[in-house]
Amino acid sequence: MSSSPAACLLTPTLGKREGGTAFAVICSNLTGASVSFGNASATGVSVHESGMVLAGLTPAHEAGSVEVHVTTSDGDEVSLGEFTYE
């Protein structure tokens, strides 16, 4: 039985087109998770030993909004809402 993350928070939700904006996801069951911004993977992703905080850097993207998703090690995917590139 897998435990999907629930009630997740992404911060910030705005960053630069060049990428490299530091972000955090606050949630549960994040151990081994990955994050995607549109079709691109976040870089430098690390998860706190509690499994409740994931940090990383945004990939580069053209200006506009993209959907952000976290995918757990069990393959469950949760939408974190939109991130806007300026």
C-alpha atoms as a PDB file:
ATOM      1  CA  MET A   1       0.000   0.000   0.000  1.00  0.00           C
ATOM      2  CA  SER A   2       1.447   3.374  -0.993  1.00  0.00           C
ATOM      3  CA  SER A   3       1.113   6.603   0.920  1.00  0.00           C
ATOM      4  CA  SER A   4       0.448   9.500  -1.428  1.00  0.00           C
ATOM      5  CA  PRO A   5       1.492  12.978  -0.382  1.00  0.00           C
ATOM      6  CA  ALA A   6      -1.479  15.113   0.599  1.00  0.00           C
ATOM      7  CA  ALA A   7      -2.057  18.816   1.267  1.00  0.00           C
ATOM      8  CA  CYS A   8       1.252  19.844  -0.311  1.00  0.00           C
ATOM      9  CA  LEU A   9       2.632  23.385  -0.471  1.00  0.00           C
ATOM     10  CA  LEU A  10       5.053  24.767  -3.084  1.00  0.00           C
ATOM     11  CA  THR A  11       6.965  27.933  -2.307  1.00  0.00           C
ATOM     12  CA  PRO A  12       7.702  30.228  -4.111  1.00  0.00           C
ATOM     13  CA  THR A  13       5.360  30.056  -7.123  1.00  0.00           C
ATOM     14  CA  LEU A  14       7.224  32.660  -9.180  1.00  0.00           C
ATOM     15  CA  GLY A  15      10.765  32.644 -10.576  1.00  0.00           C
ATOM     16  CA  LYS A  16      13.144  33.587 -13.355  1.00  0.00           C
ATOM     17  CA  ARG A  17      13.151  32.069 -16.864  1.00  0.00           C
ATOM     18  CA  GLU A  18      16.826  31.169 -16.557  1.00  0.00           C
ATOM     19  CA  GLY A  19      15.983  28.651 -13.832  1.00  0.00           C
ATOM     20  CA  GLY A  20      17.930  28.226 -10.626  1.00  0.00           C
ATOM     21  CA  THR A  21      15.174  29.578  -8.361  1.00  0.00           C
ATOM     22  CA  ALA A  22      15.369  27.785  -5.015  1.00  0.00           C
ATOM     23  CA  PHE A  23      12.058  26.200  -4.057  1.00  0.00           C
ATOM     24  CA  ALA A  24      10.636  24.014  -1.310  1.00  0.00           C
ATOM     25  CA  VAL A  25       7.787  21.536  -1.185  1.00  0.00           C
ATOM     26  CA  ILE A  26       6.256  20.920   2.211  1.00  0.00           C
ATOM     27  CA  CYS A  27       4.261  17.715   2.331  1.00  0.00           C
ATOM     28  CA  SER A  28       4.393  14.163   3.656  1.00  0.00           C
ATOM     29  CA  ASN A  29       5.930  11.007   2.205  1.00  0.00           C
ATOM     30  CA  LEU A  30       8.521  12.843   0.080  1.00  0.00           C
ATOM     31  CA  THR A  31      11.435  10.451   0.612  1.00  0.00           C
ATOM     32  CA  GLY A  32      12.745   9.480  -2.828  1.00  0.00           C
ATOM     33  CA  ALA A  33      10.402  11.911  -4.615  1.00  0.00           C
ATOM     34  CA  SER A  34      11.132  13.980  -7.714  1.00  0.00           C
ATOM     35  CA  VAL A  35       9.626  17.256  -8.929  1.00  0.00           C
ATOM     36  CA  SER A  36       8.815  18.379 -12.466  1.00  0.00           C
ATOM     37  CA  PHE A  37       8.067  21.877 -13.746  1.00  0.00           C
ATOM     38  CA  GLY A  38       6.100  21.275 -16.928  1.00  0.00           C
ATOM     39  CA  ASN A  39       8.138  18.600 -18.736  1.00  0.00           C
ATOM     40  CA  ALA A  40      11.454  19.473 -17.079  1.00  0.00           C
ATOM     41  CA  SER A  41      12.868  17.985 -13.899  1.00  0.00           C
ATOM     42  CA  ALA A  42      14.018  20.108 -10.990  1.00  0.00           C
ATOM     43  CA  THR A  43      17.741  19.937 -10.194  1.00  0.00           C
ATOM     44  CA  GLY A  44      19.631  19.633  -6.928  1.00  0.00           C
ATOM     45  CA  VAL A  45      16.669  17.940  -5.260  1.00  0.00           C
ATOM     46  CA  SER A  46      17.132  16.843  -1.668  1.00  0.00           C
ATOM     47  CA  VAL A  47      14.669  15.624   0.940  1.00  0.00           C
ATOM     48  CA  HIS A  48      14.978  16.320   4.655  1.00  0.00           C
ATOM     49  CA  GLU A  49      15.338  13.169   6.763  1.00  0.00           C
ATOM     50  CA  SER A  50      11.788  13.730   8.076  1.00  0.00           C
ATOM     51  CA  GLY A  51      10.484  13.111   4.536  1.00  0.00           C
ATOM     52  CA  MET A  52       8.327  16.233   4.829  1.00  0.00           C
ATOM     53  CA  VAL A  53      10.452  18.929   3.142  1.00  0.00           C
ATOM     54  CA  LEU A  54      11.916  18.700  -0.355  1.00  0.00           C
ATOM     55  CA  ALA A  55      14.182  21.437  -1.718  1.00  0.00           C
ATOM     56  CA  GLY A  56      15.661  22.027  -5.159  1.00  0.00           C
ATOM     57  CA  LEU A  57      16.250  24.435  -8.029  1.00  0.00           C
ATOM     58  CA  THR A  58      13.858  25.177 -10.872  1.00  0.00           C
ATOM     59  CA  PRO A  59      14.810  24.267 -14.442  1.00  0.00           C
ATOM     60  CA  ALA A  60      14.927  26.969 -17.126  1.00  0.00           C
ATOM     61  CA  HIS A  61      11.703  27.621 -19.047  1.00  0.00           C
ATOM     62  CA  GLU A  62      10.209  30.281 -21.302  1.00  0.00           C
ATOM     63  CA  ALA A  63       8.032  32.938 -19.658  1.00  0.00           C
ATOM     64  CA  GLY A  64       4.611  31.746 -18.580  1.00  0.00           C
ATOM     65  CA  SER A  65       3.012  29.279 -16.197  1.00  0.00           C
ATOM     66  CA  VAL A  66       3.624  25.544 -15.930  1.00  0.00           C
ATOM     67  CA  GLU A  67       2.089  22.784 -13.845  1.00  0.00           C
ATOM     68  CA  VAL A  68       4.307  21.440 -11.088  1.00  0.00           C
ATOM     69  CA  HIS A  69       4.082  17.810  -9.990  1.00  0.00           C
ATOM     70  CA  VAL A  70       5.775  15.724  -7.343  1.00  0.00           C
ATOM     71  CA  THR A  71       6.233  12.021  -8.061  1.00  0.00           C
ATOM     72  CA  THR A  72       6.865   9.718  -5.122  1.00  0.00           C
ATOM     73  CA  SER A  73       9.159   6.718  -5.105  1.00  0.00           C
ATOM     74  CA  ASP A  74       5.982   4.592  -5.368  1.00  0.00           C
ATOM     75  CA  GLY A  75       5.065   6.349  -8.629  1.00  0.00           C
ATOM     76  CA  ASP A  76       2.188   8.387  -7.186  1.00  0.00           C
ATOM     77  CA  GLU A  77       1.913  11.864  -8.742  1.00  0.00           C
ATOM     78  CA  VAL A  78       0.458  14.911  -7.010  1.00  0.00           C
ATOM     79  CA  SER A  79      -0.145  18.323  -8.581  1.00  0.00           C
ATOM     80  CA  LEU A  80       1.392  21.234  -6.688  1.00  0.00           C
ATOM     81  CA  GLY A  81      -0.363  23.871  -8.798  1.00  0.00           C
ATOM     82  CA  GLU A  82       1.323  26.347 -11.120  1.00  0.00           C
ATOM     83  CA  PHE A  83       4.713  28.012 -11.143  1.00  0.00           C
ATOM     84  CA  THR A  84       5.091  31.211 -13.159  1.00  0.00           C
ATOM     85  CA  TYR A  85       8.303  32.043 -14.998  1.00  0.00           C
ATOM     86  CA  GLU A  86       9.053  35.750 -15.578  1.00  0.00           C
END
